[in-house]
Amino acid sequence: MVVSTLRRVTTVRDPQEWQRRSDALLARLVPYLERQPGFAGHELQRDGDGGRMAEVTRWRTDADLRHYLRDGAAAMAATMLDAFFPTAPYPDGTWVRETAEQPE
């Protein structure tokens, strides 16, 4: 299992607004991810009240994750994510992806 964690800061800070947007995003994003080869799971996590968040996706193999990242699906998912959770302005708008292997 390969776990990919995308961390970023959004302009959405209110917990109720975050939950509303999260529900709407997941209704669109999860069915899209489920159509990707090797997809094994998804989580969207709020990290405190400062707009920090993490999107965690799980993939069966490194090749599945690489396909997701390089063949356009990740760009589409990021577009959806940014539409519901706009990126914070500079210098807080950095997106950081970490990848780790995890035993199944």
PDB file of N, CA and C in Angstrom:
ATOM      1  N   MET A   1       0.857  -1.175   0.000  1.00  0.00           N
ATOM      2  CA  MET A   1       0.000   0.000   0.000  1.00  0.00           C
ATOM      3  C   MET A   1       0.902   1.236   0.000  1.00  0.00           C
ATOM      4  N   VAL A   2       0.555   2.211  -0.826  1.00  0.00           N
ATOM      5  CA  VAL A   2       1.283   3.467  -0.893  1.00  0.00           C
ATOM      6  C   VAL A   2       0.334   4.580  -0.451  1.00  0.00           C
ATOM      7  N   VAL A   3       0.805   5.401   0.486  1.00  0.00           N
ATOM      8  CA  VAL A   3      -0.007   6.488   1.025  1.00  0.00           C
ATOM      9  C   VAL A   3       0.593   7.812   0.567  1.00  0.00           C
ATOM     10  N   SER A   4      -0.240   8.637  -0.055  1.00  0.00           N
ATOM     11  CA  SER A   4       0.183   9.951  -0.527  1.00  0.00           C
ATOM     12  C   SER A   4      -0.580  11.008   0.263  1.00  0.00           C
ATOM     13  N   THR A   5       0.164  11.899   0.918  1.00  0.00           N
ATOM     14  CA  THR A   5      -0.453  12.949   1.733  1.00  0.00           C
ATOM     15  C   THR A   5      -0.131  14.300   1.133  1.00  0.00           C
ATOM     16  N   LEU A   6      -1.167  15.041   0.778  1.00  0.00           N
ATOM     17  CA  LEU A   6      -1.022  16.383   0.221  1.00  0.00           C
ATOM     18  C   LEU A   6      -1.417  17.372   1.309  1.00  0.00           C
ATOM     19  N   ARG A   7      -0.457  18.192   1.756  1.00  0.00           N
ATOM     20  CA  ARG A   7      -0.716  19.183   2.806  1.00  0.00           C
ATOM     21  C   ARG A   7      -0.715  20.573   2.195  1.00  0.00           C
ATOM     22  N   ARG A   8      -1.626  21.395   2.701  1.00  0.00           N
ATOM     23  CA  ARG A   8      -1.712  22.768   2.213  1.00  0.00           C
ATOM     24  C   ARG A   8      -2.488  23.627   3.195  1.00  0.00           C
ATOM     25  N   VAL A   9      -2.549  24.921   2.908  1.00  0.00           N
ATOM     26  CA  VAL A   9      -3.327  25.857   3.718  1.00  0.00           C
ATOM     27  C   VAL A   9      -4.397  26.452   2.815  1.00  0.00           C
ATOM     28  N   THR A  10      -5.610  26.478   3.312  1.00  0.00           N
ATOM     29  CA  THR A  10      -6.737  27.023   2.571  1.00  0.00           C
ATOM     30  C   THR A  10      -7.218  28.321   3.221  1.00  0.00           C
ATOM     31  N   THR A  11      -8.021  29.068   2.499  1.00  0.00           N
ATOM     32  CA  THR A  11      -8.607  30.286   3.055  1.00  0.00           C
ATOM     33  C   THR A  11      -9.811  29.973   3.940  1.00  0.00           C
ATOM     34  N   VAL A  12     -10.314  28.743   3.892  1.00  0.00           N
ATOM     35  CA  VAL A  12     -11.496  28.351   4.671  1.00  0.00           C
ATOM     36  C   VAL A  12     -11.046  27.996   6.083  1.00  0.00           C
ATOM     37  N   ARG A  13     -11.510  28.787   7.049  1.00  0.00           N
ATOM     38  CA  ARG A  13     -11.092  28.580   8.436  1.00  0.00           C
ATOM     39  C   ARG A  13     -12.239  28.226   9.375  1.00  0.00           C
ATOM     40  N   ASP A  14     -13.439  28.615   9.035  1.00  0.00           N
ATOM     41  CA  ASP A  14     -14.604  28.340   9.868  1.00  0.00           C
ATOM     42  C   ASP A  14     -14.936  26.844   9.826  1.00  0.00           C
ATOM     43  N   PRO A  15     -15.025  26.174  10.994  1.00  0.00           N
ATOM     44  CA  PRO A  15     -15.272  24.727  11.016  1.00  0.00           C
ATOM     45  C   PRO A  15     -16.568  24.295  10.318  1.00  0.00           C
ATOM     46  N   GLN A  16     -17.632  25.058  10.491  1.00  0.00           N
ATOM     47  CA  GLN A  16     -18.900  24.691   9.857  1.00  0.00           C
ATOM     48  C   GLN A  16     -18.822  24.847   8.344  1.00  0.00           C
ATOM     49  N   GLU A  17     -18.177  25.910   7.888  1.00  0.00           N
ATOM     50  CA  GLU A  17     -18.000  26.121   6.442  1.00  0.00           C
ATOM     51  C   GLU A  17     -17.090  25.032   5.868  1.00  0.00           C
ATOM     52  N   TRP A  18     -16.053  24.677   6.623  1.00  0.00           N
ATOM     53  CA  TRP A  18     -15.138  23.626   6.181  1.00  0.00           C
ATOM     54  C   TRP A  18     -15.892  22.311   5.997  1.00  0.00           C
ATOM     55  N   GLN A  19     -16.746  21.967   6.949  1.00  0.00           N
ATOM     56  CA  GLN A  19     -17.507  20.716   6.858  1.00  0.00           C
ATOM     57  C   GLN A  19     -18.475  20.747   5.687  1.00  0.00           C
ATOM     58  N   ARG A  20     -19.134  21.867   5.483  1.00  0.00           N
ATOM     59  CA  ARG A  20     -20.081  21.989   4.366  1.00  0.00           C
ATOM     60  C   ARG A  20     -19.359  21.787   3.040  1.00  0.00           C
ATOM     61  N   ARG A  21     -18.222  22.460   2.885  1.00  0.00           N
ATOM     62  CA  ARG A  21     -17.453  22.338   1.646  1.00  0.00           C
ATOM     63  C   ARG A  21     -16.869  20.935   1.487  1.00  0.00           C
ATOM     64  N   SER A  22     -16.424  20.355   2.587  1.00  0.00           N
ATOM     65  CA  SER A  22     -15.859  19.015   2.552  1.00  0.00           C
ATOM     66  C   SER A  22     -16.894  18.009   2.052  1.00  0.00           C
ATOM     67  N   ASP A  23     -18.095  18.076   2.580  1.00  0.00           N
ATOM     68  CA  ASP A  23     -19.162  17.170   2.156  1.00  0.00           C
ATOM     69  C   ASP A  23     -19.441  17.311   0.659  1.00  0.00           C
ATOM     70  N   ALA A  24     -19.506  18.554   0.179  1.00  0.00           N
ATOM     71  CA  ALA A  24     -19.775  18.801  -1.240  1.00  0.00           C
ATOM     72  C   ALA A  24     -18.620  18.304  -2.119  1.00  0.00           C
ATOM     73  N   LEU A  25     -17.390  18.555  -1.691  1.00  0.00           N
ATOM     74  CA  LEU A  25     -16.225  18.096  -2.446  1.00  0.00           C
ATOM     75  C   LEU A  25     -16.194  16.577  -2.526  1.00  0.00           C
ATOM     76  N   LEU A  26     -16.364  15.912  -1.394  1.00  0.00           N
ATOM     77  CA  LEU A  26     -16.279  14.453  -1.370  1.00  0.00           C
ATOM     78  C   LEU A  26     -17.342  13.792  -2.242  1.00  0.00           C
ATOM     79  N   ALA A  27     -18.509  14.425  -2.344  1.00  0.00           N
ATOM     80  CA  ALA A  27     -19.565  13.889  -3.205  1.00  0.00           C
ATOM     81  C   ALA A  27     -19.121  13.841  -4.663  1.00  0.00           C
ATOM     82  N   ARG A  28     -18.243  14.745  -5.065  1.00  0.00           N
ATOM     83  CA  ARG A  28     -17.736  14.763  -6.443  1.00  0.00           C
ATOM     84  C   ARG A  28     -16.409  14.034  -6.588  1.00  0.00           C
ATOM     85  N   LEU A  29     -15.533  14.224  -5.627  1.00  0.00           N
ATOM     86  CA  LEU A  29     -14.170  13.725  -5.755  1.00  0.00           C
ATOM     87  C   LEU A  29     -14.056  12.212  -5.582  1.00  0.00           C
ATOM     88  N   VAL A  30     -14.702  11.652  -4.587  1.00  0.00           N
ATOM     89  CA  VAL A  30     -14.550  10.227  -4.302  1.00  0.00           C
ATOM     90  C   VAL A  30     -14.988   9.349  -5.489  1.00  0.00           C
ATOM     91  N   PRO A  31     -16.137   9.610  -6.128  1.00  0.00           N
ATOM     92  CA  PRO A  31     -16.484   8.791  -7.297  1.00  0.00           C
ATOM     93  C   PRO A  31     -15.428   8.895  -8.415  1.00  0.00           C
ATOM     94  N   TYR A  32     -14.831  10.062  -8.580  1.00  0.00           N
ATOM     95  CA  TYR A  32     -13.773  10.228  -9.570  1.00  0.00           C
ATOM     96  C   TYR A  32     -12.552   9.390  -9.194  1.00  0.00           C
ATOM     97  N   LEU A  33     -12.150   9.454  -7.935  1.00  0.00           N
ATOM     98  CA  LEU A  33     -10.994   8.680  -7.485  1.00  0.00           C
ATOM     99  C   LEU A  33     -11.246   7.178  -7.593  1.00  0.00           C
ATOM    100  N   GLU A  34     -12.452   6.759  -7.306  1.00  0.00           N
ATOM    101  CA  GLU A  34     -12.786   5.334  -7.369  1.00  0.00           C
ATOM    102  C   GLU A  34     -12.636   4.767  -8.775  1.00  0.00           C
ATOM    103  N   ARG A  35     -12.670   5.624  -9.786  1.00  0.00           N
ATOM    104  CA  ARG A  35     -12.485   5.170 -11.163  1.00  0.00           C
ATOM    105  C   ARG A  35     -11.010   5.077 -11.559  1.00  0.00           C
ATOM    106  N   GLN A  36     -10.103   5.498 -10.682  1.00  0.00           N
ATOM    107  CA  GLN A  36      -8.676   5.466 -10.991  1.00  0.00           C
ATOM    108  C   GLN A  36      -8.097   4.093 -10.664  1.00  0.00           C
ATOM    109  N   PRO A  37      -7.256   3.551 -11.554  1.00  0.00           N
ATOM    110  CA  PRO A  37      -6.657   2.234 -11.311  1.00  0.00           C
ATOM    111  C   PRO A  37      -5.828   2.216 -10.030  1.00  0.00           C
ATOM    112  N   GLY A  38      -6.072   1.220  -9.195  1.00  0.00           N
ATOM    113  CA  GLY A  38      -5.288   1.034  -7.983  1.00  0.00           C
ATOM    114  C   GLY A  38      -5.699   1.876  -6.804  1.00  0.00           C
ATOM    115  N   PHE A  39      -6.757   2.668  -6.940  1.00  0.00           N
ATOM    116  CA  PHE A  39      -7.218   3.500  -5.825  1.00  0.00           C
ATOM    117  C   PHE A  39      -7.685   2.616  -4.679  1.00  0.00           C
ATOM    118  N   ALA A  40      -7.258   2.962  -3.450  1.00  0.00           N
ATOM    119  CA  ALA A  40      -7.598   2.129  -2.294  1.00  0.00           C
ATOM    120  C   ALA A  40      -8.200   2.899  -1.120  1.00  0.00           C
ATOM    121  N   GLY A  41      -8.290   4.229  -1.198  1.00  0.00           N
ATOM    122  CA  GLY A  41      -8.910   4.967  -0.101  1.00  0.00           C
ATOM    123  C   GLY A  41      -8.591   6.450  -0.138  1.00  0.00           C
ATOM    124  N   HIS A  42      -9.411   7.222   0.586  1.00  0.00           N
ATOM    125  CA  HIS A  42      -9.262   8.681   0.606  1.00  0.00           C
ATOM    126  C   HIS A  42      -9.720   9.228   1.952  1.00  0.00           C
ATOM    127  N   GLU A  43      -8.989  10.230   2.444  1.00  0.00           N
ATOM    128  CA  GLU A  43      -9.389  10.959   3.656  1.00  0.00           C
ATOM    129  C   GLU A  43      -9.093  12.437   3.432  1.00  0.00           C
ATOM    130  N   LEU A  44      -9.938  13.282   3.979  1.00  0.00           N
ATOM    131  CA  LEU A  44      -9.717  14.719   3.968  1.00  0.00           C
ATOM    132  C   LEU A  44      -9.709  15.151   5.424  1.00  0.00           C
ATOM    133  N   GLN A  45      -8.607  15.771   5.858  1.00  0.00           N
ATOM    134  CA  GLN A  45      -8.442  16.091   7.268  1.00  0.00           C
ATOM    135  C   GLN A  45      -8.199  17.577   7.468  1.00  0.00           C
ATOM    136  N   ARG A  46      -8.879  18.128   8.427  1.00  0.00           N
ATOM    137  CA  ARG A  46      -8.661  19.506   8.854  1.00  0.00           C
ATOM    138  C   ARG A  46      -7.616  19.471   9.960  1.00  0.00           C
ATOM    139  N   ASP A  47      -6.666  20.410   9.911  1.00  0.00           N
ATOM    140  CA  ASP A  47      -5.571  20.419  10.882  1.00  0.00           C
ATOM    141  C   ASP A  47      -5.571  21.749  11.639  1.00  0.00           C
ATOM    142  N   GLY A  48      -6.377  21.836  12.677  1.00  0.00           N
ATOM    143  CA  GLY A  48      -6.458  23.059  13.477  1.00  0.00           C
ATOM    144  C   GLY A  48      -7.372  24.098  12.861  1.00  0.00           C
ATOM    145  N   ASP A  49      -7.300  25.316  13.404  1.00  0.00           N
ATOM    146  CA  ASP A  49      -8.195  26.394  12.979  1.00  0.00           C
ATOM    147  C   ASP A  49      -7.544  27.381  12.022  1.00  0.00           C
ATOM    148  N   GLY A  50      -6.303  27.149  11.616  1.00  0.00           N
ATOM    149  CA  GLY A  50      -5.592  28.094  10.761  1.00  0.00           C
ATOM    150  C   GLY A  50      -5.721  27.838   9.282  1.00  0.00           C
ATOM    151  N   GLY A  51      -6.614  26.945   8.875  1.00  0.00           N
ATOM    152  CA  GLY A  51      -6.803  26.654   7.466  1.00  0.00           C
ATOM    153  C   GLY A  51      -5.929  25.516   6.950  1.00  0.00           C
ATOM    154  N   ARG A  52      -5.098  24.935   7.810  1.00  0.00           N
ATOM    155  CA  ARG A  52      -4.262  23.812   7.370  1.00  0.00           C
ATOM    156  C   ARG A  52      -5.136  22.580   7.153  1.00  0.00           C
ATOM    157  N   MET A  53      -4.779  21.823   6.121  1.00  0.00           N
ATOM    158  CA  MET A  53      -5.533  20.621   5.809  1.00  0.00           C
ATOM    159  C   MET A  53      -4.621  19.607   5.145  1.00  0.00           C
ATOM    160  N   ALA A  54      -5.085  18.367   5.113  1.00  0.00           N
ATOM    161  CA  ALA A  54      -4.357  17.295   4.442  1.00  0.00           C
ATOM    162  C   ALA A  54      -5.348  16.425   3.693  1.00  0.00           C
ATOM    163  N   GLU A  55      -4.956  16.038   2.497  1.00  0.00           N
ATOM    164  CA  GLU A  55      -5.719  15.080   1.709  1.00  0.00           C
ATOM    165  C   GLU A  55      -4.855  13.827   1.611  1.00  0.00           C
ATOM    166  N   VAL A  56      -5.378  12.708   2.068  1.00  0.00           N
ATOM    167  CA  VAL A  56      -4.636  11.451   2.071  1.00  0.00           C
ATOM    168  C   VAL A  56      -5.302  10.498   1.084  1.00  0.00           C
ATOM    169  N   THR A  57      -4.510   9.995   0.128  1.00  0.00           N
ATOM    170  CA  THR A  57      -5.013   8.976  -0.785  1.00  0.00           C
ATOM    171  C   THR A  57      -4.152   7.734  -0.628  1.00  0.00           C
ATOM    172  N   ARG A  58      -4.777   6.585  -0.801  1.00  0.00           N
ATOM    173  CA  ARG A  58      -4.079   5.304  -0.689  1.00  0.00           C
ATOM    174  C   ARG A  58      -4.167   4.589  -2.037  1.00  0.00           C
ATOM    175  N   TRP A  59      -3.033   3.957  -2.401  1.00  0.00           N
ATOM    176  CA  TRP A  59      -2.923   3.273  -3.691  1.00  0.00           C
ATOM    177  C   TRP A  59      -2.345   1.882  -3.471  1.00  0.00           C
ATOM    178  N   ARG A  60      -2.767   0.936  -4.280  1.00  0.00           N
ATOM    179  CA  ARG A  60      -2.265  -0.433  -4.130  1.00  0.00           C
ATOM    180  C   ARG A  60      -0.767  -0.528  -4.381  1.00  0.00           C
ATOM    181  N   THR A  61      -0.266   0.178  -5.404  1.00  0.00           N
ATOM    182  CA  THR A  61       1.155   0.100  -5.738  1.00  0.00           C
ATOM    183  C   THR A  61       1.714   1.486  -6.042  1.00  0.00           C
ATOM    184  N   ASP A  62       3.022   1.569  -6.030  1.00  0.00           N
ATOM    185  CA  ASP A  62       3.705   2.806  -6.411  1.00  0.00           C
ATOM    186  C   ASP A  62       3.384   3.167  -7.864  1.00  0.00           C
ATOM    187  N   ALA A  63       3.263   2.163  -8.709  1.00  0.00           N
ATOM    188  CA  ALA A  63       2.925   2.411 -10.116  1.00  0.00           C
ATOM    189  C   ALA A  63       1.530   3.022 -10.249  1.00  0.00           C
ATOM    190  N   ASP A  64       0.586   2.603  -9.416  1.00  0.00           N
ATOM    191  CA  ASP A  64      -0.762   3.190  -9.433  1.00  0.00           C
ATOM    192  C   ASP A  64      -0.711   4.665  -9.049  1.00  0.00           C
ATOM    193  N   LEU A  65       0.053   4.985  -8.006  1.00  0.00           N
ATOM    194  CA  LEU A  65       0.192   6.385  -7.594  1.00  0.00           C
ATOM    195  C   LEU A  65       0.872   7.189  -8.697  1.00  0.00           C
ATOM    196  N   ARG A  66       1.920   6.644  -9.280  1.00  0.00           N
ATOM    197  CA  ARG A  66       2.642   7.349 -10.342  1.00  0.00           C
ATOM    198  C   ARG A  66       1.711   7.633 -11.528  1.00  0.00           C
ATOM    199  N   HIS A  67       0.884   6.658 -11.877  1.00  0.00           N
ATOM    200  CA  HIS A  67      -0.093   6.852 -12.956  1.00  0.00           C
ATOM    201  C   HIS A  67      -1.058   7.988 -12.599  1.00  0.00           C
ATOM    202  N   TYR A  68      -1.551   8.001 -11.388  1.00  0.00           N
ATOM    203  CA  TYR A  68      -2.461   9.052 -10.903  1.00  0.00           C
ATOM    204  C   TYR A  68      -1.803  10.428 -11.002  1.00  0.00           C
ATOM    205  N   LEU A  69      -0.553  10.523 -10.567  1.00  0.00           N
ATOM    206  CA  LEU A  69       0.142  11.808 -10.542  1.00  0.00           C
ATOM    207  C   LEU A  69       0.536  12.296 -11.930  1.00  0.00           C
ATOM    208  N   ARG A  70       0.948  11.411 -12.802  1.00  0.00           N
ATOM    209  CA  ARG A  70       1.529  11.823 -14.083  1.00  0.00           C
ATOM    210  C   ARG A  70       0.558  11.869 -15.251  1.00  0.00           C
ATOM    211  N   ASP A  71      -0.551  11.194 -15.157  1.00  0.00           N
ATOM    212  CA  ASP A  71      -1.441  11.096 -16.307  1.00  0.00           C
ATOM    213  C   ASP A  71      -2.673  11.993 -16.222  1.00  0.00           C
ATOM    214  N   GLY A  72      -2.663  12.964 -15.327  1.00  0.00           N
ATOM    215  CA  GLY A  72      -3.708  13.981 -15.311  1.00  0.00           C
ATOM    216  C   GLY A  72      -4.772  13.864 -14.245  1.00  0.00           C
ATOM    217  N   ALA A  73      -4.948  12.692 -13.657  1.00  0.00           N
ATOM    218  CA  ALA A  73      -6.018  12.535 -12.664  1.00  0.00           C
ATOM    219  C   ALA A  73      -5.757  13.383 -11.424  1.00  0.00           C
ATOM    220  N   ALA A  74      -4.496  13.467 -10.990  1.00  0.00           N
ATOM    221  CA  ALA A  74      -4.174  14.279  -9.808  1.00  0.00           C
ATOM    222  C   ALA A  74      -4.421  15.759 -10.077  1.00  0.00           C
ATOM    223  N   ALA A  75      -4.154  16.204 -11.281  1.00  0.00           N
ATOM    224  CA  ALA A  75      -4.409  17.602 -11.629  1.00  0.00           C
ATOM    225  C   ALA A  75      -5.904  17.907 -11.572  1.00  0.00           C
ATOM    226  N   MET A  76      -6.720  16.972 -12.053  1.00  0.00           N
ATOM    227  CA  MET A  76      -8.173  17.166 -11.986  1.00  0.00           C
ATOM    228  C   MET A  76      -8.637  17.187 -10.534  1.00  0.00           C
ATOM    229  N   ALA A  77      -8.114  16.266  -9.716  1.00  0.00           N
ATOM    230  CA  ALA A  77      -8.479  16.228  -8.299  1.00  0.00           C
ATOM    231  C   ALA A  77      -8.048  17.518  -7.604  1.00  0.00           C
ATOM    232  N   ALA A  78      -6.867  18.031  -7.935  1.00  0.00           N
ATOM    233  CA  ALA A  78      -6.381  19.275  -7.333  1.00  0.00           C
ATOM    234  C   ALA A  78      -7.251  20.463  -7.751  1.00  0.00           C
ATOM    235  N   THR A  79      -7.737  20.449  -8.972  1.00  0.00           N
ATOM    236  CA  THR A  79      -8.629  21.518  -9.440  1.00  0.00           C
ATOM    237  C   THR A  79      -9.926  21.506  -8.637  1.00  0.00           C
ATOM    238  N   MET A  80     -10.469  20.312  -8.406  1.00  0.00           N
ATOM    239  CA  MET A  80     -11.682  20.198  -7.585  1.00  0.00           C
ATOM    240  C   MET A  80     -11.404  20.678  -6.161  1.00  0.00           C
ATOM    241  N   LEU A  81     -10.283  20.238  -5.598  1.00  0.00           N
ATOM    242  CA  LEU A  81      -9.921  20.602  -4.235  1.00  0.00           C
ATOM    243  C   LEU A  81      -9.798  22.115  -4.094  1.00  0.00           C
ATOM    244  N   ASP A  82      -9.131  22.750  -5.044  1.00  0.00           N
ATOM    245  CA  ASP A  82      -8.929  24.198  -4.964  1.00  0.00           C
ATOM    246  C   ASP A  82     -10.225  24.978  -5.199  1.00  0.00           C
ATOM    247  N   ALA A  83     -11.159  24.397  -5.947  1.00  0.00           N
ATOM    248  CA  ALA A  83     -12.449  25.063  -6.161  1.00  0.00           C
ATOM    249  C   ALA A  83     -13.256  25.122  -4.860  1.00  0.00           C
ATOM    250  N   PHE A  84     -13.191  24.060  -4.054  1.00  0.00           N
ATOM    251  CA  PHE A  84     -13.936  24.021  -2.800  1.00  0.00           C
ATOM    252  C   PHE A  84     -13.152  24.623  -1.635  1.00  0.00           C
ATOM    253  N   PHE A  85     -11.827  24.513  -1.694  1.00  0.00           N
ATOM    254  CA  PHE A  85     -10.947  25.025  -0.639  1.00  0.00           C
ATOM    255  C   PHE A  85      -9.843  25.860  -1.278  1.00  0.00           C
ATOM    256  N   PRO A  86     -10.140  27.139  -1.572  1.00  0.00           N
ATOM    257  CA  PRO A  86      -9.132  27.969  -2.239  1.00  0.00           C
ATOM    258  C   PRO A  86      -7.823  28.021  -1.448  1.00  0.00           C
ATOM    259  N   THR A  87      -6.737  28.003  -2.189  1.00  0.00           N
ATOM    260  CA  THR A  87      -5.415  28.048  -1.588  1.00  0.00           C
ATOM    261  C   THR A  87      -5.182  29.399  -0.936  1.00  0.00           C
ATOM    262  N   ALA A  88      -4.557  29.374   0.239  1.00  0.00           N
ATOM    263  CA  ALA A  88      -4.207  30.613   0.946  1.00  0.00           C
ATOM    264  C   ALA A  88      -3.212  31.403   0.096  1.00  0.00           C
ATOM    265  N   PRO A  89      -3.222  32.727   0.244  1.00  0.00           N
ATOM    266  CA  PRO A  89      -2.282  33.540  -0.523  1.00  0.00           C
ATOM    267  C   PRO A  89      -0.832  33.333  -0.077  1.00  0.00           C
ATOM    268  N   TYR A  90       0.075  33.732  -0.936  1.00  0.00           N
ATOM    269  CA  TYR A  90       1.504  33.676  -0.641  1.00  0.00           C
ATOM    270  C   TYR A  90       1.765  34.370   0.687  1.00  0.00           C
ATOM    271  N   PRO A  91       2.590  33.873   1.545  1.00  0.00           N
ATOM    272  CA  PRO A  91       3.501  32.737   1.400  1.00  0.00           C
ATOM    273  C   PRO A  91       2.925  31.431   1.925  1.00  0.00           C
ATOM    274  N   ASP A  92       1.647  31.402   2.253  1.00  0.00           N
ATOM    275  CA  ASP A  92       1.047  30.207   2.865  1.00  0.00           C
ATOM    276  C   ASP A  92       0.441  29.235   1.866  1.00  0.00           C
ATOM    277  N   GLY A  93       0.537  29.518   0.585  1.00  0.00           N
ATOM    278  CA  GLY A  93      -0.151  28.721  -0.417  1.00  0.00           C
ATOM    279  C   GLY A  93       0.602  27.523  -0.954  1.00  0.00           C
ATOM    280  N   THR A  94       1.661  27.113  -0.315  1.00  0.00           N
ATOM    281  CA  THR A  94       2.444  25.991  -0.806  1.00  0.00           C
ATOM    282  C   THR A  94       1.703  24.666  -0.638  1.00  0.00           C
ATOM    283  N   TRP A  95       1.758  23.830  -1.668  1.00  0.00           N
ATOM    284  CA  TRP A  95       1.216  22.478  -1.616  1.00  0.00           C
ATOM    285  C   TRP A  95       2.401  21.543  -1.454  1.00  0.00           C
ATOM    286  N   VAL A  96       2.358  20.630  -0.488  1.00  0.00           N
ATOM    287  CA  VAL A  96       3.457  19.697  -0.248  1.00  0.00           C
ATOM    288  C   VAL A  96       2.892  18.277  -0.251  1.00  0.00           C
ATOM    289  N   ARG A  97       3.472  17.420  -1.103  1.00  0.00           N
ATOM    290  CA  ARG A  97       3.031  16.021  -1.172  1.00  0.00           C
ATOM    291  C   ARG A  97       4.130  15.136  -0.578  1.00  0.00           C
ATOM    292  N   GLU A  98       3.707  14.240   0.335  1.00  0.00           N
ATOM    293  CA  GLU A  98       4.610  13.246   0.919  1.00  0.00           C
ATOM    294  C   GLU A  98       4.067  11.874   0.563  1.00  0.00           C
ATOM    295  N   THR A  99       4.955  10.961   0.248  1.00  0.00           N
ATOM    296  CA  THR A  99       4.554   9.610  -0.120  1.00  0.00           C
ATOM    297  C   THR A  99       5.294   8.614   0.764  1.00  0.00           C
ATOM    298  N   ALA A 100       4.571   7.613   1.228  1.00  0.00           N
ATOM    299  CA  ALA A 100       5.178   6.586   2.081  1.00  0.00           C
ATOM    300  C   ALA A 100       4.547   5.234   1.797  1.00  0.00           C
ATOM    301  N   GLU A 101       5.356   4.194   1.879  1.00  0.00           N
ATOM    302  CA  GLU A 101       4.810   2.847   1.777  1.00  0.00           C
ATOM    303  C   GLU A 101       4.317   2.414   3.142  1.00  0.00           C
ATOM    304  N   GLN A 102       3.227   1.671   3.155  1.00  0.00           N
ATOM    305  CA  GLN A 102       2.612   1.239   4.409  1.00  0.00           C
ATOM    306  C   GLN A 102       2.205  -0.227   4.247  1.00  0.00           C
ATOM    307  N   PRO A 103       2.493  -1.040   5.241  1.00  0.00           N
ATOM    308  CA  PRO A 103       2.070  -2.439   5.142  1.00  0.00           C
ATOM    309  C   PRO A 103       0.546  -2.532   5.072  1.00  0.00           C
ATOM    310  N   GLU A 104       0.073  -3.521   4.337  1.00  0.00           N
ATOM    311  CA  GLU A 104      -1.398  -3.671   4.184  1.00  0.00           C
ATOM    312  C   GLU A 104      -2.016  -4.334   5.373  1.00  0.00           C
TER     313      GLU A 104
END
